[in-house]
N, C-alpha and C. Protein backbone atom coordinates (compact mmCIF):
# COMPACT_ATOMS: atom_id res chain seq x y z
N MET A 1 -9.89 -26.52 -37.76
CA MET A 1 -10.19 -25.29 -38.63
C MET A 1 -11.48 -24.79 -37.45
N ILE A 2 -11.14 -23.47 -37.34
CA ILE A 2 -12.26 -22.69 -36.57
C ILE A 2 -13.24 -22.53 -36.93
N ALA A 3 -14.34 -23.03 -36.23
CA ALA A 3 -16.10 -22.85 -36.75
C ALA A 3 -16.18 -21.29 -36.66
N THR A 4 -16.86 -20.86 -37.50
CA THR A 4 -17.42 -19.65 -37.64
C THR A 4 -18.12 -19.10 -36.37
N HIS A 5 -19.37 -19.83 -36.13
CA HIS A 5 -19.93 -19.70 -35.13
C HIS A 5 -19.36 -19.52 -33.88
N TYR A 6 -18.18 -20.08 -33.53
CA TYR A 6 -17.55 -19.73 -32.25
C TYR A 6 -17.08 -18.51 -31.97
N LEU A 7 -16.66 -17.74 -33.33
CA LEU A 7 -15.95 -16.55 -33.37
C LEU A 7 -17.06 -15.34 -33.64
N LEU A 8 -18.10 -15.73 -34.02
CA LEU A 8 -19.21 -14.95 -34.23
C LEU A 8 -20.09 -14.53 -32.92
N PHE A 9 -20.37 -15.70 -32.19
CA PHE A 9 -20.86 -15.41 -30.75
C PHE A 9 -20.32 -14.23 -29.91
N PRO A 10 -18.81 -14.56 -29.76
CA PRO A 10 -18.03 -13.61 -28.74
C PRO A 10 -18.16 -12.32 -29.31
N VAL A 11 -18.04 -12.20 -30.64
CA VAL A 11 -18.01 -10.60 -31.30
C VAL A 11 -19.24 -10.15 -30.91
N LEU A 12 -20.28 -10.85 -31.53
CA LEU A 12 -21.72 -10.47 -31.38
C LEU A 12 -22.12 -9.91 -29.92
N PHE A 13 -21.68 -10.66 -28.99
CA PHE A 13 -21.97 -10.44 -27.49
C PHE A 13 -21.34 -9.06 -27.01
N ILE A 14 -20.01 -9.17 -27.49
CA ILE A 14 -19.16 -7.70 -27.15
C ILE A 14 -19.70 -6.65 -27.98
N ILE A 15 -20.11 -6.82 -29.06
CA ILE A 15 -20.81 -5.56 -29.69
C ILE A 15 -22.30 -5.31 -29.15
N LEU A 16 -22.70 -5.99 -28.57
CA LEU A 16 -24.15 -5.81 -28.01
C LEU A 16 -23.70 -5.08 -26.62
N GLY A 17 -22.89 -5.71 -26.07
CA GLY A 17 -22.57 -4.94 -24.65
C GLY A 17 -22.27 -3.47 -24.67
N LEU A 18 -21.60 -3.20 -25.86
CA LEU A 18 -20.74 -2.07 -26.30
C LEU A 18 -22.14 -1.23 -26.59
N ILE A 19 -23.13 -1.54 -27.18
CA ILE A 19 -24.03 -0.70 -27.61
C ILE A 19 -25.21 -0.41 -26.78
N ALA A 20 -25.59 -1.60 -25.88
CA ALA A 20 -26.40 -1.49 -24.93
C ALA A 20 -26.87 -0.10 -23.95
N PRO A 21 -25.43 0.11 -23.55
CA PRO A 21 -25.55 1.17 -22.45
C PRO A 21 -25.72 2.53 -23.23
N HIS A 22 -25.72 2.73 -24.52
CA HIS A 22 -26.07 3.82 -25.38
C HIS A 22 -27.41 4.01 -25.86
N LEU A 23 -28.06 3.11 -25.32
CA LEU A 23 -29.49 3.09 -25.68
C LEU A 23 -30.39 4.02 -24.74
N LYS A 24 -30.47 5.01 -25.01
CA LYS A 24 -31.20 5.93 -24.21
C LYS A 24 -32.43 6.19 -24.13
N THR A 25 -33.38 5.78 -25.16
CA THR A 25 -34.73 5.68 -25.07
C THR A 25 -35.07 4.44 -25.21
N ILE A 26 -36.43 4.38 -24.61
CA ILE A 26 -37.19 3.03 -24.17
C ILE A 26 -37.68 2.91 -25.51
N ASN A 27 -37.53 1.54 -26.15
CA ASN A 27 -37.90 1.27 -27.33
C ASN A 27 -37.99 -0.44 -27.40
N GLY A 28 -39.18 -0.86 -28.48
CA GLY A 28 -39.15 -2.16 -28.55
C GLY A 28 -38.52 -2.85 -29.58
N ILE A 29 -37.36 -2.47 -29.96
CA ILE A 29 -36.70 -3.25 -31.08
C ILE A 29 -35.30 -3.58 -30.62
N ILE A 30 -34.70 -3.07 -29.85
CA ILE A 30 -33.14 -3.35 -29.56
C ILE A 30 -32.98 -2.89 -27.92
N GLY A 31 -32.21 -3.59 -27.45
CA GLY A 31 -31.61 -3.46 -26.02
C GLY A 31 -32.34 -4.72 -25.16
N TYR A 32 -32.18 -4.42 -23.77
CA TYR A 32 -32.83 -5.51 -22.87
C TYR A 32 -34.17 -4.95 -22.69
N ARG A 33 -35.17 -5.85 -23.21
CA ARG A 33 -36.60 -5.44 -23.42
C ARG A 33 -37.42 -6.45 -22.64
N THR A 34 -37.59 -5.98 -21.24
CA THR A 34 -38.69 -6.89 -20.90
C THR A 34 -39.57 -5.66 -20.01
N TYR A 35 -40.82 -6.42 -19.65
CA TYR A 35 -41.80 -5.41 -18.72
C TYR A 35 -41.05 -4.49 -17.84
N ARG A 36 -40.61 -5.30 -17.06
CA ARG A 36 -39.92 -4.38 -16.01
C ARG A 36 -38.73 -3.29 -16.43
N ALA A 37 -38.04 -3.53 -17.57
CA ALA A 37 -36.98 -2.75 -17.99
C ALA A 37 -37.59 -1.66 -18.71
N MET A 38 -38.99 -1.99 -19.20
CA MET A 38 -39.27 -0.79 -19.87
C MET A 38 -40.51 0.06 -19.33
N LYS A 39 -40.49 -0.35 -18.03
CA LYS A 39 -41.43 0.31 -17.05
C LYS A 39 -41.00 1.70 -16.96
N ASN A 40 -39.80 2.30 -16.89
CA ASN A 40 -39.73 3.45 -16.76
C ASN A 40 -38.19 3.87 -17.20
N GLN A 41 -37.75 5.13 -17.23
CA GLN A 41 -36.23 5.58 -17.89
C GLN A 41 -35.42 5.08 -16.83
N ARG A 42 -35.63 5.08 -15.51
CA ARG A 42 -34.54 4.72 -14.45
C ARG A 42 -34.55 3.10 -14.73
N ASN A 43 -35.21 2.18 -14.83
CA ASN A 43 -35.35 0.93 -15.24
C ASN A 43 -34.51 0.70 -16.45
N TRP A 44 -35.12 1.39 -17.56
CA TRP A 44 -34.37 1.33 -18.73
C TRP A 44 -32.85 1.26 -18.59
N ASP A 45 -32.44 2.53 -18.14
CA ASP A 45 -30.69 2.57 -18.15
C ASP A 45 -30.22 1.72 -17.25
N TYR A 46 -30.58 1.03 -16.15
CA TYR A 46 -30.42 0.37 -15.38
C TYR A 46 -29.81 -1.11 -16.32
N ALA A 47 -31.07 -1.40 -16.57
CA ALA A 47 -31.03 -2.78 -17.31
C ALA A 47 -30.02 -2.69 -18.51
N GLN A 48 -29.77 -1.46 -19.26
CA GLN A 48 -29.21 -1.38 -20.52
C GLN A 48 -27.62 -1.40 -20.01
N LYS A 49 -27.33 -0.77 -18.69
CA LYS A 49 -26.02 -0.77 -18.48
C LYS A 49 -25.49 -1.93 -17.89
N TYR A 50 -26.29 -2.93 -17.03
CA TYR A 50 -26.06 -4.14 -16.42
C TYR A 50 -25.86 -4.94 -17.31
N SER A 51 -27.02 -5.24 -18.40
CA SER A 51 -27.25 -6.14 -19.19
C SER A 51 -25.77 -6.15 -20.16
N GLY A 52 -25.63 -5.17 -20.89
CA GLY A 52 -24.21 -4.60 -21.40
C GLY A 52 -23.15 -5.27 -20.84
N ARG A 53 -22.84 -4.86 -19.71
CA ARG A 53 -21.91 -5.65 -18.89
C ARG A 53 -21.71 -6.94 -19.11
N CYS A 54 -22.82 -7.51 -18.68
CA CYS A 54 -22.95 -9.06 -18.51
C CYS A 54 -22.57 -9.38 -20.08
N PHE A 55 -23.25 -8.85 -21.18
CA PHE A 55 -22.67 -9.72 -22.48
C PHE A 55 -21.35 -9.33 -22.79
N ILE A 56 -20.51 -8.08 -22.43
CA ILE A 56 -19.27 -8.20 -22.74
C ILE A 56 -18.25 -9.30 -21.97
N ASN A 57 -18.84 -9.68 -20.62
CA ASN A 57 -18.08 -10.60 -19.93
C ASN A 57 -18.44 -12.03 -20.64
N VAL A 58 -19.73 -12.00 -20.86
CA VAL A 58 -20.10 -13.40 -21.72
C VAL A 58 -19.17 -13.77 -23.09
N GLY A 59 -19.10 -12.33 -23.79
CA GLY A 59 -18.36 -12.68 -25.22
C GLY A 59 -16.79 -12.84 -24.67
N LEU A 60 -16.35 -12.35 -23.85
CA LEU A 60 -14.85 -12.37 -23.26
C LEU A 60 -14.70 -13.94 -22.90
N ALA A 61 -15.71 -14.48 -22.19
CA ALA A 61 -15.78 -15.76 -21.44
C ALA A 61 -15.88 -16.75 -22.86
N THR A 62 -16.59 -16.39 -23.77
CA THR A 62 -16.94 -17.65 -24.93
C THR A 62 -15.46 -17.70 -25.63
N LEU A 63 -14.45 -16.62 -25.53
CA LEU A 63 -13.36 -16.73 -26.51
C LEU A 63 -12.27 -17.97 -26.44
N PRO A 64 -12.41 -18.55 -25.38
CA PRO A 64 -11.56 -19.67 -25.10
C PRO A 64 -12.28 -21.03 -25.92
N PHE A 65 -13.33 -20.93 -26.52
CA PHE A 65 -14.00 -22.01 -27.38
C PHE A 65 -13.21 -21.86 -28.58
N ILE A 66 -12.85 -20.95 -29.25
CA ILE A 66 -12.16 -20.73 -30.16
C ILE A 66 -10.82 -21.29 -30.19
N ALA A 67 -10.19 -21.50 -29.17
CA ALA A 67 -8.74 -22.18 -28.94
C ALA A 67 -9.17 -23.48 -28.79
N ILE A 68 -10.30 -23.90 -27.94
CA ILE A 68 -10.62 -25.49 -27.96
C ILE A 68 -10.61 -25.85 -29.25
N ASP A 69 -11.33 -25.22 -30.24
CA ASP A 69 -11.86 -25.83 -31.49
C ASP A 69 -10.63 -25.66 -32.17
N TYR A 70 -9.67 -24.40 -32.19
CA TYR A 70 -8.56 -24.62 -33.08
C TYR A 70 -7.71 -25.72 -32.79
N PHE A 71 -7.45 -26.17 -31.55
CA PHE A 71 -6.35 -27.12 -30.84
C PHE A 71 -7.06 -28.36 -31.01
N ASN A 72 -8.46 -28.69 -31.35
CA ASN A 72 -9.25 -30.04 -31.56
C ASN A 72 -8.94 -30.56 -30.28
N LEU A 73 -9.18 -29.92 -29.24
CA LEU A 73 -9.20 -30.44 -27.86
C LEU A 73 -10.22 -31.32 -27.41
N ILE A 74 -11.84 -31.20 -28.07
CA ILE A 74 -12.79 -31.79 -27.75
C ILE A 74 -13.37 -31.80 -29.15
N GLU A 75 -14.07 -33.20 -29.20
CA GLU A 75 -14.80 -33.36 -30.47
C GLU A 75 -15.95 -32.36 -30.97
N SER A 76 -15.73 -31.97 -32.14
CA SER A 76 -16.72 -30.94 -32.67
C SER A 76 -18.08 -30.83 -32.08
N LYS A 77 -18.60 -32.22 -32.37
CA LYS A 77 -20.03 -32.24 -31.93
C LYS A 77 -20.42 -32.02 -30.61
N LEU A 78 -19.58 -32.35 -29.98
CA LEU A 78 -19.58 -32.34 -28.22
C LEU A 78 -19.42 -30.74 -27.66
N LEU A 79 -18.43 -30.28 -28.40
CA LEU A 79 -18.11 -28.76 -28.22
C LEU A 79 -19.22 -27.97 -28.76
N THR A 80 -19.81 -28.25 -29.74
CA THR A 80 -21.03 -27.45 -30.34
C THR A 80 -22.15 -27.44 -29.47
N SER A 81 -22.31 -28.62 -28.70
CA SER A 81 -23.57 -29.11 -27.70
C SER A 81 -23.30 -28.22 -26.37
N ILE A 82 -21.98 -28.51 -26.05
CA ILE A 82 -21.41 -27.51 -24.88
C ILE A 82 -21.64 -26.01 -25.01
N PHE A 83 -21.18 -25.60 -26.24
CA PHE A 83 -21.16 -24.24 -26.57
C PHE A 83 -22.60 -23.62 -26.61
N PHE A 84 -23.76 -24.35 -26.75
CA PHE A 84 -25.00 -23.93 -27.17
C PHE A 84 -25.80 -24.18 -25.89
N VAL A 85 -25.33 -24.98 -25.14
CA VAL A 85 -25.98 -25.01 -23.75
C VAL A 85 -25.58 -24.07 -23.09
N GLY A 86 -24.39 -23.86 -22.99
CA GLY A 86 -23.77 -22.81 -22.22
C GLY A 86 -24.17 -21.39 -22.46
N ILE A 87 -24.30 -21.20 -23.99
CA ILE A 87 -25.03 -19.96 -24.44
C ILE A 87 -26.41 -19.80 -23.68
N THR A 88 -27.25 -20.75 -23.81
CA THR A 88 -28.55 -20.76 -23.36
C THR A 88 -28.87 -20.46 -21.97
N LEU A 89 -27.95 -21.14 -21.46
CA LEU A 89 -27.95 -20.98 -19.73
C LEU A 89 -27.52 -19.58 -19.31
N THR A 90 -26.52 -19.19 -20.04
CA THR A 90 -26.05 -17.80 -20.04
C THR A 90 -26.92 -16.62 -20.23
N PHE A 91 -27.86 -16.80 -21.10
CA PHE A 91 -28.90 -15.53 -21.23
C PHE A 91 -30.03 -15.71 -20.37
N ALA A 92 -30.09 -17.33 -19.72
CA ALA A 92 -31.07 -17.21 -18.71
C ALA A 92 -30.36 -16.43 -17.41
N PHE A 93 -29.50 -16.45 -17.12
CA PHE A 93 -28.17 -15.90 -16.21
C PHE A 93 -28.43 -14.46 -16.15
N ILE A 94 -28.48 -14.09 -17.30
CA ILE A 94 -28.24 -12.67 -17.39
C ILE A 94 -29.64 -11.81 -17.10
N ILE A 95 -30.83 -12.57 -17.84
CA ILE A 95 -31.97 -12.03 -17.48
C ILE A 95 -32.35 -12.43 -16.01
N TYR A 96 -32.11 -13.34 -15.39
CA TYR A 96 -32.26 -13.35 -13.91
C TYR A 96 -31.59 -12.22 -13.04
N LYS A 97 -30.31 -12.26 -13.31
CA LYS A 97 -29.71 -11.34 -12.68
C LYS A 97 -30.07 -9.51 -12.76
N THR A 98 -30.42 -9.69 -14.13
CA THR A 98 -30.72 -8.19 -14.18
C THR A 98 -32.11 -7.92 -13.88
N GLU A 99 -32.90 -8.95 -13.61
CA GLU A 99 -34.27 -8.79 -13.08
C GLU A 99 -33.96 -8.71 -11.91
N GLN A 100 -33.35 -9.33 -11.26
CA GLN A 100 -33.16 -8.99 -9.62
C GLN A 100 -32.73 -7.70 -9.43
N GLY A 101 -31.68 -7.27 -10.27
CA GLY A 101 -31.31 -5.68 -10.03
C GLY A 101 -32.40 -4.76 -10.08
N LEU A 102 -33.26 -5.11 -11.08
CA LEU A 102 -34.32 -3.95 -11.50
C LEU A 102 -35.35 -4.27 -10.08
N LYS A 103 -35.29 -5.39 -9.90
CA LYS A 103 -36.40 -5.59 -8.58
C LYS A 103 -35.90 -4.81 -7.33
N ARG A 104 -34.65 -4.93 -7.27
CA ARG A 104 -33.97 -4.12 -5.94
C ARG A 104 -34.26 -2.44 -6.35
N LEU A 105 -33.90 -2.33 -7.48
CA LEU A 105 -33.98 -0.92 -7.79
C LEU A 105 -35.49 -0.27 -7.66
N GLU A 106 -36.56 -0.84 -7.82
CA GLU A 106 -37.91 -0.54 -7.71
C GLU A 106 -38.13 -0.36 -6.31
N SER A 107 -37.72 -1.32 -5.47
CA SER A 107 -38.00 -1.11 -4.12
C SER A 107 -37.14 -0.24 -3.08
N GLN A 108 -36.27 0.72 -3.79
CA GLN A 108 -35.67 1.89 -3.17
C GLN A 108 -36.25 2.88 -2.99
């Protein structure tokens, strides 16, 4: 049986990735919100586009977890651990790469 959270995360990531580039005004509620991203409009636009693409890619990359769970290829507890560690590392990677891009953008 497919665990709901395996389906929920990819769908959520893809939706966030599609919404982010359309966030045109700097706000403290939704979007990629770090000090550097909210510094000015140019940084905000870059951060939303870049992180949006990353979230779509992550959403697509997590889809195989659904097949792994469906075919019971890995024990459920181990799969859950791998999945959530992977999600945590992915968030860290998205923040790191987006901040690197913003830093390059500011130095231009």
